[in-house]
N, C-alpha and C. Protein backbone atom coordinates (compact mmCIF):
# COMPACT_ATOMS: atom_id res chain seq x y z
N MET A 1 109.39 94.74 101.26
CA MET A 1 109.15 94.09 102.57
C MET A 1 109.70 92.68 102.55
N SER A 2 110.44 92.30 103.53
CA SER A 2 111.14 91.02 103.41
C SER A 2 110.17 89.79 103.65
N ASP A 3 109.08 90.23 104.41
CA ASP A 3 108.07 89.12 104.62
C ASP A 3 106.95 89.03 103.62
N ARG A 4 107.21 89.72 102.50
CA ARG A 4 106.16 89.82 101.37
C ARG A 4 105.99 88.38 100.84
N PRO A 5 104.75 87.90 100.71
CA PRO A 5 104.51 86.65 100.10
C PRO A 5 104.82 86.60 98.60
N ASP A 6 105.13 85.53 98.02
CA ASP A 6 105.38 85.44 96.67
C ASP A 6 104.09 85.37 95.74
N ASP A 7 103.02 85.07 96.36
CA ASP A 7 101.75 84.99 95.59
C ASP A 7 101.16 86.38 95.36
N THR A 8 100.49 86.56 94.32
CA THR A 8 99.92 87.79 93.85
C THR A 8 98.40 87.73 94.05
N MET A 9 97.86 88.75 94.65
CA MET A 9 96.34 88.75 94.69
C MET A 9 95.82 90.03 93.96
N ASN A 10 94.61 89.78 93.48
CA ASN A 10 93.86 90.92 92.84
C ASN A 10 92.72 91.32 93.70
N PHE A 11 92.52 92.58 93.73
CA PHE A 11 91.34 93.15 94.40
C PHE A 11 90.55 94.02 93.57
N TYR A 12 89.27 93.94 93.64
CA TYR A 12 88.37 94.59 92.74
C TYR A 12 87.40 95.42 93.61
N GLY A 13 86.99 96.58 93.08
CA GLY A 13 85.98 97.36 93.84
C GLY A 13 85.14 98.21 92.83
N GLN A 14 84.20 99.00 93.30
CA GLN A 14 83.39 99.95 92.56
C GLN A 14 84.21 100.98 91.81
N THR A 15 85.25 101.51 92.50
CA THR A 15 86.16 102.36 91.95
C THR A 15 87.56 101.93 92.29
N LYS A 16 88.64 102.58 91.74
CA LYS A 16 89.97 102.22 92.17
C LYS A 16 90.32 102.41 93.59
N GLU A 17 89.55 103.55 94.12
CA GLU A 17 89.87 103.83 95.58
C GLU A 17 89.17 102.73 96.43
N HIS A 18 88.05 102.22 95.98
CA HIS A 18 87.36 101.21 96.64
C HIS A 18 88.23 99.90 96.68
N ALA A 19 88.82 99.55 95.43
CA ALA A 19 89.67 98.43 95.34
C ALA A 19 90.89 98.51 96.20
N ILE A 20 91.55 99.78 96.27
CA ILE A 20 92.70 99.99 97.12
C ILE A 20 92.29 99.80 98.59
N ALA A 21 91.02 100.31 99.00
CA ALA A 21 90.64 100.22 100.40
C ALA A 21 90.55 98.69 100.74
N ILE A 22 89.97 97.85 99.87
CA ILE A 22 89.71 96.47 100.09
C ILE A 22 91.18 95.77 100.20
N ALA A 23 92.14 96.12 99.35
CA ALA A 23 93.42 95.59 99.46
C ALA A 23 94.18 95.92 100.69
N LEU A 24 93.98 97.30 101.12
CA LEU A 24 94.65 97.68 102.35
C LEU A 24 94.04 97.02 103.60
N GLU A 25 92.82 96.76 103.59
CA GLU A 25 92.12 96.12 104.71
C GLU A 25 92.68 94.64 104.77
N HIS A 26 92.83 94.05 103.54
CA HIS A 26 93.30 92.63 103.56
C HIS A 26 94.74 92.74 104.15
N LEU A 27 95.63 93.58 103.74
CA LEU A 27 96.97 93.69 104.29
C LEU A 27 97.00 93.92 105.73
N ALA A 28 96.10 94.87 106.19
CA ALA A 28 95.95 95.21 107.59
C ALA A 28 95.54 93.98 108.47
N CYS A 29 94.63 93.22 107.91
CA CYS A 29 94.15 91.98 108.57
C CYS A 29 95.33 91.04 108.85
N ARG A 30 96.11 90.80 107.78
CA ARG A 30 97.23 89.91 107.92
C ARG A 30 98.19 90.38 108.92
N TYR A 31 98.51 91.68 108.98
CA TYR A 31 99.46 92.23 109.87
C TYR A 31 98.89 92.22 111.31
N ARG A 32 97.60 92.42 111.53
CA ARG A 32 97.05 92.29 112.86
C ARG A 32 97.08 90.91 113.29
N GLN A 33 96.86 89.93 112.53
CA GLN A 33 96.96 88.57 112.82
C GLN A 33 98.39 88.12 113.31
N GLN A 34 99.38 88.63 112.49
CA GLN A 34 100.78 88.46 112.75
C GLN A 34 101.21 89.07 114.08
N ALA A 35 100.68 90.20 114.33
CA ALA A 35 101.01 90.96 115.57
C ALA A 35 100.50 90.20 116.75
N GLU A 36 99.25 89.72 116.62
CA GLU A 36 98.63 88.96 117.80
C GLU A 36 99.28 87.66 117.97
N GLU A 37 99.55 86.91 116.82
CA GLU A 37 100.22 85.57 117.03
C GLU A 37 101.60 85.68 117.50
N SER A 38 102.29 86.76 117.19
CA SER A 38 103.77 86.92 117.64
C SER A 38 103.87 87.08 119.16
N GLN A 39 102.76 87.56 119.78
CA GLN A 39 102.87 87.74 121.22
C GLN A 39 102.64 86.41 121.89
N ASN A 40 102.00 85.60 121.35
CA ASN A 40 101.87 84.17 121.88
C ASN A 40 101.36 84.19 123.35
N ILE A 41 100.25 84.97 123.48
CA ILE A 41 99.68 85.16 124.84
C ILE A 41 98.49 84.06 125.12
N ASP A 42 98.60 83.46 126.24
CA ASP A 42 97.57 82.49 126.68
C ASP A 42 96.24 83.36 127.08
N TRP A 43 95.19 82.97 126.48
CA TRP A 43 94.00 83.82 126.49
C TRP A 43 93.57 83.86 128.06
N ASP A 44 93.71 82.77 128.74
CA ASP A 44 93.17 82.72 130.06
C ASP A 44 94.14 83.06 131.14
N ALA A 45 95.43 83.41 130.79
CA ALA A 45 96.48 83.61 131.79
C ALA A 45 96.22 84.93 132.48
N VAL A 46 96.42 84.97 133.81
CA VAL A 46 96.30 86.17 134.59
C VAL A 46 97.60 86.27 135.37
N GLU A 47 98.31 87.40 135.20
CA GLU A 47 99.53 87.54 135.88
C GLU A 47 99.17 88.12 137.30
N ILE A 48 99.79 87.51 138.31
CA ILE A 48 99.57 87.97 139.69
C ILE A 48 100.75 88.67 140.30
N SER A 49 100.42 89.78 140.93
CA SER A 49 101.54 90.63 141.57
C SER A 49 102.01 89.80 142.85
N ASP A 50 103.10 90.33 143.42
CA ASP A 50 103.60 89.74 144.66
C ASP A 50 102.64 89.76 145.82
N SER A 51 101.74 90.82 145.72
CA SER A 51 100.62 90.93 146.83
C SER A 51 99.48 90.03 146.59
N GLY A 52 99.51 89.29 145.41
CA GLY A 52 98.33 88.38 145.12
C GLY A 52 97.32 89.00 144.31
N GLU A 53 97.41 90.25 143.91
CA GLU A 53 96.51 90.92 143.10
C GLU A 53 96.72 90.66 141.56
N PRO A 54 95.60 90.54 140.83
CA PRO A 54 95.81 90.44 139.41
C PRO A 54 96.38 91.72 138.73
N ILE A 55 97.32 91.60 137.92
CA ILE A 55 97.92 92.75 137.24
C ILE A 55 97.13 93.04 135.89
N GLU A 56 96.57 94.29 135.97
CA GLU A 56 95.88 94.65 134.75
C GLU A 56 96.80 95.06 133.63
N LYS A 57 96.45 94.64 132.38
CA LYS A 57 97.33 95.01 131.33
C LYS A 57 96.54 95.77 130.35
N ARG A 58 97.21 96.43 129.31
CA ARG A 58 96.49 97.26 128.39
C ARG A 58 96.50 96.52 127.05
N TYR A 59 95.30 96.55 126.41
CA TYR A 59 95.16 95.81 125.05
C TYR A 59 94.50 96.77 124.06
N HIS A 60 94.94 96.69 122.86
CA HIS A 60 94.37 97.33 121.74
C HIS A 60 93.38 96.29 121.06
N VAL A 61 92.16 96.59 121.21
CA VAL A 61 91.18 95.56 120.67
C VAL A 61 90.55 96.25 119.35
N ILE A 62 90.83 95.43 118.32
CA ILE A 62 90.40 95.85 116.96
C ILE A 62 89.21 94.99 116.42
N LEU A 63 88.19 95.54 116.14
CA LEU A 63 87.07 94.73 115.47
C LEU A 63 86.87 95.25 114.07
N HIS A 64 86.85 94.19 113.12
CA HIS A 64 86.54 94.52 111.76
C HIS A 64 85.33 93.66 111.27
N TYR A 65 84.35 94.37 110.73
CA TYR A 65 83.11 93.75 110.33
C TYR A 65 82.81 94.32 108.99
N GLU A 66 82.34 93.47 108.03
CA GLU A 66 81.89 93.96 106.73
C GLU A 66 80.69 93.18 106.43
N ARG A 67 79.78 93.76 105.61
CA ARG A 67 78.75 93.05 105.08
C ARG A 67 78.23 93.76 103.83
N ILE A 68 77.56 92.99 102.96
CA ILE A 68 76.88 93.58 101.77
C ILE A 68 75.50 93.75 102.13
N ALA A 69 75.09 95.02 102.09
CA ALA A 69 73.69 95.46 102.44
C ALA A 69 72.87 95.79 101.37
N LYS A 70 71.59 95.47 101.31
CA LYS A 70 70.71 95.78 100.33
C LYS A 70 69.62 96.66 101.06
N ASP A 71 69.68 97.90 100.90
CA ASP A 71 68.88 98.83 101.66
C ASP A 71 68.45 99.98 100.77
N GLU A 72 67.51 100.87 101.28
CA GLU A 72 67.02 101.92 100.39
C GLU A 72 67.91 102.97 100.25
N SER A 73 68.81 103.31 101.22
CA SER A 73 69.72 104.36 101.18
C SER A 73 71.00 104.14 101.87
N LYS A 74 72.06 104.90 101.77
CA LYS A 74 73.17 104.76 102.51
C LYS A 74 73.02 104.86 103.96
N PHE A 75 72.06 105.77 104.40
CA PHE A 75 71.75 105.95 105.81
C PHE A 75 71.03 104.64 106.41
N GLU A 76 70.11 104.08 105.61
CA GLU A 76 69.52 102.78 106.00
C GLU A 76 70.55 101.70 106.04
N ALA A 77 71.54 101.61 105.15
CA ALA A 77 72.55 100.60 105.32
C ALA A 77 73.38 100.68 106.54
N MET A 78 73.72 101.93 106.93
CA MET A 78 74.47 102.23 108.10
C MET A 78 73.61 101.89 109.30
N HIS A 79 72.42 102.42 109.34
CA HIS A 79 71.53 102.29 110.48
C HIS A 79 71.29 100.79 110.74
N ASN A 80 70.83 100.04 109.77
CA ASN A 80 70.56 98.57 109.93
C ASN A 80 71.79 97.86 110.33
N THR A 81 72.97 98.18 109.88
CA THR A 81 74.25 97.57 110.40
C THR A 81 74.49 97.88 111.84
N MET A 82 74.23 99.16 112.24
CA MET A 82 74.46 99.49 113.59
C MET A 82 73.52 98.82 114.56
N MET A 83 72.31 98.64 114.09
CA MET A 83 71.18 98.06 114.87
C MET A 83 71.27 96.39 114.90
N GLY A 84 72.07 96.03 113.92
CA GLY A 84 72.14 94.46 113.96
C GLY A 84 72.79 93.93 115.20
N ASN A 85 72.21 92.77 115.63
CA ASN A 85 72.91 92.16 116.89
C ASN A 85 74.08 91.36 116.63
N THR A 86 74.42 91.12 115.23
CA THR A 86 75.47 90.26 115.00
C THR A 86 76.86 91.04 114.54
N VAL A 87 76.85 92.34 114.67
CA VAL A 87 78.06 93.06 114.22
C VAL A 87 79.27 92.54 114.98
N VAL A 88 79.11 92.58 116.35
CA VAL A 88 80.23 92.22 117.18
C VAL A 88 80.67 90.73 117.08
N GLU A 89 79.62 89.89 117.18
CA GLU A 89 79.79 88.36 117.19
C GLU A 89 80.35 87.94 115.81
N ASN A 90 80.10 88.67 114.67
CA ASN A 90 80.54 88.25 113.41
C ASN A 90 81.82 88.91 113.02
N ALA A 91 82.26 89.85 113.83
CA ALA A 91 83.48 90.63 113.49
C ALA A 91 84.68 89.81 113.72
N LYS A 92 85.80 90.20 112.96
CA LYS A 92 87.14 89.61 113.21
C LYS A 92 87.68 90.48 114.43
N ILE A 93 88.05 89.89 115.43
CA ILE A 93 88.53 90.63 116.67
C ILE A 93 90.01 90.26 116.81
N SER A 94 90.83 91.30 116.88
CA SER A 94 92.25 91.11 117.14
C SER A 94 92.54 91.79 118.53
N ILE A 95 93.24 91.10 119.40
CA ILE A 95 93.61 91.73 120.70
C ILE A 95 95.02 91.69 120.84
N ILE A 96 95.64 92.87 120.93
CA ILE A 96 97.15 92.99 121.01
C ILE A 96 97.46 93.68 122.30
N GLU A 97 98.35 93.07 123.01
CA GLU A 97 98.77 93.67 124.30
C GLU A 97 99.65 94.80 123.92
N ILE A 98 99.55 95.88 124.63
CA ILE A 98 100.34 97.12 124.34
C ILE A 98 100.91 97.72 125.69
N ALA A 99 101.98 98.38 125.53
CA ALA A 99 102.67 98.93 126.67
C ALA A 99 101.80 100.04 127.28
N PRO A 100 101.91 100.28 128.54
CA PRO A 100 101.14 101.37 129.16
C PRO A 100 101.35 102.73 128.68
N ASP A 101 102.55 102.94 128.21
CA ASP A 101 102.85 104.29 127.82
C ASP A 101 102.85 104.58 126.33
N ILE A 102 102.37 103.61 125.56
CA ILE A 102 102.35 103.74 124.10
C ILE A 102 101.11 104.67 123.73
N GLU A 103 101.38 105.54 122.80
CA GLU A 103 100.43 106.47 122.35
C GLU A 103 99.41 105.98 121.20
N ILE A 104 98.60 105.14 121.65
CA ILE A 104 97.62 104.53 120.71
C ILE A 104 96.27 104.87 121.26
N GLY A 105 95.44 105.41 120.31
CA GLY A 105 94.01 105.74 120.62
C GLY A 105 93.15 105.01 119.70
N PRO A 106 91.94 104.78 120.18
CA PRO A 106 91.02 104.10 119.20
C PRO A 106 90.65 104.98 118.06
N LEU A 107 90.41 104.35 116.94
CA LEU A 107 89.97 105.02 115.72
C LEU A 107 88.64 105.46 115.93
N GLU A 108 88.41 106.80 115.75
CA GLU A 108 87.01 107.30 116.05
C GLU A 108 86.15 107.14 114.88
N ARG A 109 84.98 106.90 115.01
CA ARG A 109 83.98 106.73 114.15
C ARG A 109 83.65 108.08 113.40
N SER A 110 83.70 108.02 112.14
CA SER A 110 83.38 109.27 111.43
C SER A 110 81.79 109.47 111.39
N ARG A 111 81.38 110.73 111.36
CA ARG A 111 79.90 110.95 111.13
C ARG A 111 79.55 110.81 109.76
N TYR A 112 78.65 109.90 109.53
CA TYR A 112 77.95 109.48 108.35
C TYR A 112 78.79 110.16 107.25
């Protein structure tokens, strides 16, 4: 990749797959930020049509939230995370404007 940084980072996890997942999330986070920043969109700007109506646009909204949980089971860790009121407010949120015809769907939550 031509935009690859010169610095090297190390990622650690419980298993090699966990470390790879952490590294991939770090890379995804950087690219989401670059995609969002490259659009240079004013947060409050509303485009108005010739008839004076606001033009609705389409956005891909991505939330990423991580926490270290101390719970009795994997189910409890998931349940307590889902019931927490701070998941969305503490998440990293990327909002990328997308074309109306682009085939992007939300990532569906897997069942436990």
